[in-house]
Structure formats: C-alpha cells, structure tokens
Amino acid sequence: MIEVTKINGTKLLVNTNLIETVEETPDTVITLTDGKKVIVKESRHEVRNLVKLTRQEYFKGILNMETS
C-alpha cells in the first residue's frame, strides 16, 4: 500500500494492486480497478515512484525469505 494525500489534506492508503491508471489533468487522478477515482496532491511521477519503491521492498522481502 502507498500513502497519498487527498486534495483536502486527508491521508489515504491505496492498495497498489488496485491502481489501474494515474493521470494528471492537471490534478493527479488515481483510477482504481473498480472505477473509483481519487484526486491526490502527489504528482503522477511521485505516485509511480511510491508504487515502485513499495514493490521493490515487497520483492526484496520475498527474496530474503527464500535465501534464509
């Protein structure tokens, strides 16, 4: 999950597996697989980097478990 900030300042955790698209229109809109949309303060690039880091940490943990 990644933590993002809604336009009103509320923090929100989003399951990265449910993200379908991330667009800047100019606000950043995250569309989930169920069609729900969340407008966030983070840029499209920031969301991408958060997803990338989260997945790297997840897979690093799996690899560490396999080598233990």
N, C-alpha and C. Protein backbone atom coordinates (compact mmCIF):
# COMPACT_ATOMS: atom_id res chain seq x y z
N MET A 1 0.84 -1.18 0.00
CA MET A 1 0.00 0.00 0.00
C MET A 1 0.88 1.24 0.00
N ILE A 2 0.38 2.29 -0.62
CA ILE A 2 1.08 3.56 -0.60
C ILE A 2 0.21 4.59 0.11
N GLU A 3 0.87 5.56 0.74
CA GLU A 3 0.13 6.64 1.39
C GLU A 3 0.16 7.86 0.48
N VAL A 4 -1.01 8.38 0.18
CA VAL A 4 -1.14 9.58 -0.64
C VAL A 4 -2.00 10.59 0.12
N THR A 5 -2.02 11.81 -0.38
CA THR A 5 -2.77 12.89 0.28
C THR A 5 -3.87 13.38 -0.65
N LYS A 6 -5.12 13.28 -0.17
CA LYS A 6 -6.23 13.80 -0.94
C LYS A 6 -6.14 15.32 -0.98
N ILE A 7 -6.85 15.95 -1.89
CA ILE A 7 -6.83 17.40 -2.06
C ILE A 7 -7.19 18.13 -0.76
N ASN A 8 -8.08 17.55 0.05
CA ASN A 8 -8.49 18.20 1.29
C ASN A 8 -7.49 17.98 2.44
N GLY A 9 -6.36 17.31 2.16
CA GLY A 9 -5.33 17.09 3.16
C GLY A 9 -5.41 15.77 3.90
N THR A 10 -6.46 15.00 3.67
CA THR A 10 -6.63 13.71 4.31
C THR A 10 -5.65 12.70 3.73
N LYS A 11 -4.98 11.97 4.61
CA LYS A 11 -4.06 10.91 4.17
C LYS A 11 -4.88 9.66 3.85
N LEU A 12 -4.44 8.93 2.85
CA LEU A 12 -5.18 7.76 2.38
C LEU A 12 -4.19 6.68 1.97
N LEU A 13 -4.46 5.44 2.36
CA LEU A 13 -3.65 4.31 1.91
C LEU A 13 -4.34 3.67 0.72
N VAL A 14 -3.58 3.45 -0.35
CA VAL A 14 -4.12 2.86 -1.58
C VAL A 14 -3.38 1.56 -1.86
N ASN A 15 -4.13 0.51 -2.12
CA ASN A 15 -3.57 -0.78 -2.50
C ASN A 15 -3.03 -0.66 -3.92
N THR A 16 -1.72 -0.83 -4.08
CA THR A 16 -1.10 -0.65 -5.40
C THR A 16 -1.60 -1.66 -6.42
N ASN A 17 -2.08 -2.80 -5.97
CA ASN A 17 -2.59 -3.81 -6.91
C ASN A 17 -3.92 -3.39 -7.52
N LEU A 18 -4.57 -2.39 -6.93
CA LEU A 18 -5.88 -1.96 -7.44
C LEU A 18 -5.79 -0.72 -8.33
N ILE A 19 -4.57 -0.19 -8.51
CA ILE A 19 -4.42 1.00 -9.36
C ILE A 19 -4.45 0.59 -10.83
N GLU A 20 -5.37 1.22 -11.56
CA GLU A 20 -5.47 0.96 -12.99
C GLU A 20 -4.73 2.03 -13.79
N THR A 21 -5.01 3.31 -13.47
CA THR A 21 -4.32 4.40 -14.16
C THR A 21 -4.03 5.53 -13.19
N VAL A 22 -3.02 6.35 -13.55
CA VAL A 22 -2.70 7.58 -12.83
C VAL A 22 -2.54 8.66 -13.88
N GLU A 23 -3.36 9.71 -13.77
CA GLU A 23 -3.35 10.77 -14.78
C GLU A 23 -3.16 12.12 -14.10
N GLU A 24 -2.56 13.07 -14.83
CA GLU A 24 -2.50 14.46 -14.38
C GLU A 24 -3.38 15.27 -15.32
N THR A 25 -4.42 15.91 -14.76
CA THR A 25 -5.42 16.57 -15.61
C THR A 25 -5.77 18.01 -15.23
N PRO A 26 -5.08 18.91 -14.65
CA PRO A 26 -3.74 18.87 -14.11
C PRO A 26 -3.65 18.22 -12.73
N ASP A 27 -4.79 18.07 -12.01
CA ASP A 27 -4.73 17.34 -10.75
C ASP A 27 -4.40 15.88 -11.02
N THR A 28 -3.77 15.23 -10.06
CA THR A 28 -3.44 13.82 -10.23
C THR A 28 -4.65 12.98 -9.83
N VAL A 29 -5.11 12.16 -10.76
CA VAL A 29 -6.28 11.31 -10.53
C VAL A 29 -5.84 9.85 -10.61
N ILE A 30 -6.07 9.13 -9.51
CA ILE A 30 -5.79 7.69 -9.47
C ILE A 30 -7.11 6.98 -9.71
N THR A 31 -7.17 6.16 -10.75
CA THR A 31 -8.36 5.37 -11.03
C THR A 31 -8.07 3.94 -10.61
N LEU A 32 -8.98 3.38 -9.81
CA LEU A 32 -8.84 2.01 -9.33
C LEU A 32 -9.57 1.05 -10.23
N THR A 33 -9.28 -0.22 -10.09
CA THR A 33 -9.87 -1.23 -10.97
C THR A 33 -11.38 -1.31 -10.87
N ASP A 34 -11.95 -0.83 -9.74
CA ASP A 34 -13.41 -0.86 -9.60
C ASP A 34 -14.06 0.42 -10.15
N GLY A 35 -13.24 1.30 -10.76
CA GLY A 35 -13.76 2.52 -11.36
C GLY A 35 -13.73 3.74 -10.44
N LYS A 36 -13.47 3.54 -9.15
CA LYS A 36 -13.40 4.66 -8.22
C LYS A 36 -12.19 5.52 -8.57
N LYS A 37 -12.36 6.83 -8.36
CA LYS A 37 -11.28 7.77 -8.65
C LYS A 37 -10.93 8.54 -7.39
N VAL A 38 -9.63 8.77 -7.19
CA VAL A 38 -9.14 9.54 -6.05
C VAL A 38 -8.25 10.65 -6.60
N ILE A 39 -8.55 11.89 -6.22
CA ILE A 39 -7.72 13.02 -6.62
C ILE A 39 -6.73 13.28 -5.49
N VAL A 40 -5.44 13.30 -5.82
CA VAL A 40 -4.41 13.43 -4.80
C VAL A 40 -3.47 14.60 -5.11
N LYS A 41 -2.75 15.05 -4.07
CA LYS A 41 -1.80 16.16 -4.22
C LYS A 41 -0.51 15.73 -4.88
N GLU A 42 -0.11 14.46 -4.71
CA GLU A 42 1.14 13.98 -5.29
C GLU A 42 1.07 13.99 -6.81
N SER A 43 2.22 14.20 -7.43
CA SER A 43 2.26 14.17 -8.89
C SER A 43 2.20 12.72 -9.39
N ARG A 44 1.97 12.60 -10.68
CA ARG A 44 1.95 11.27 -11.30
C ARG A 44 3.28 10.56 -11.08
N HIS A 45 4.37 11.31 -11.20
CA HIS A 45 5.71 10.72 -11.01
C HIS A 45 5.93 10.29 -9.56
N GLU A 46 5.43 11.08 -8.61
CA GLU A 46 5.56 10.70 -7.20
C GLU A 46 4.78 9.42 -6.91
N VAL A 47 3.58 9.30 -7.47
CA VAL A 47 2.78 8.09 -7.27
C VAL A 47 3.51 6.89 -7.87
N ARG A 48 4.05 7.06 -9.08
CA ARG A 48 4.80 5.99 -9.73
C ARG A 48 5.98 5.56 -8.87
N ASN A 49 6.72 6.52 -8.35
CA ASN A 49 7.87 6.19 -7.51
C ASN A 49 7.47 5.50 -6.21
N LEU A 50 6.36 5.92 -5.61
CA LEU A 50 5.86 5.25 -4.40
C LEU A 50 5.51 3.80 -4.69
N VAL A 51 4.83 3.57 -5.81
CA VAL A 51 4.47 2.20 -6.20
C VAL A 51 5.74 1.38 -6.44
N LYS A 52 6.68 1.95 -7.15
CA LYS A 52 7.93 1.26 -7.47
C LYS A 52 8.68 0.87 -6.19
N LEU A 53 8.82 1.82 -5.26
CA LEU A 53 9.51 1.54 -4.00
C LEU A 53 8.80 0.48 -3.18
N THR A 54 7.48 0.55 -3.14
CA THR A 54 6.69 -0.42 -2.38
C THR A 54 6.88 -1.82 -2.95
N ARG A 55 6.84 -1.94 -4.25
CA ARG A 55 7.01 -3.26 -4.87
C ARG A 55 8.43 -3.78 -4.72
N GLN A 56 9.43 -2.89 -4.79
CA GLN A 56 10.81 -3.31 -4.58
C GLN A 56 11.01 -3.86 -3.17
N GLU A 57 10.43 -3.17 -2.17
CA GLU A 57 10.53 -3.64 -0.79
C GLU A 57 9.84 -4.99 -0.62
N TYR A 58 8.67 -5.13 -1.25
CA TYR A 58 7.92 -6.39 -1.15
C TYR A 58 8.74 -7.55 -1.73
N PHE A 59 9.27 -7.36 -2.93
CA PHE A 59 10.01 -8.45 -3.57
C PHE A 59 11.35 -8.69 -2.90
N LYS A 60 11.97 -7.65 -2.33
CA LYS A 60 13.21 -7.83 -1.58
C LYS A 60 12.93 -8.72 -0.37
N GLY A 61 11.80 -8.51 0.29
CA GLY A 61 11.41 -9.32 1.43
C GLY A 61 11.20 -10.78 1.04
N ILE A 62 10.58 -11.02 -0.11
CA ILE A 62 10.37 -12.40 -0.58
C ILE A 62 11.70 -13.05 -0.87
N LEU A 63 12.60 -12.33 -1.55
CA LEU A 63 13.91 -12.90 -1.87
C LEU A 63 14.70 -13.20 -0.60
N ASN A 64 14.63 -12.33 0.40
CA ASN A 64 15.32 -12.56 1.65
C ASN A 64 14.78 -13.79 2.38
N MET A 65 13.47 -14.03 2.27
CA MET A 65 12.86 -15.20 2.91
C MET A 65 13.36 -16.47 2.22
N GLU A 66 13.53 -16.42 0.90
CA GLU A 66 13.96 -17.60 0.14
C GLU A 66 15.41 -17.95 0.43
N THR A 67 16.25 -16.96 0.71
CA THR A 67 17.66 -17.22 0.93
C THR A 67 17.97 -17.54 2.39
N SER A 68 16.99 -17.38 3.27
CA SER A 68 17.23 -17.66 4.70
C SER A 68 17.16 -19.14 5.00
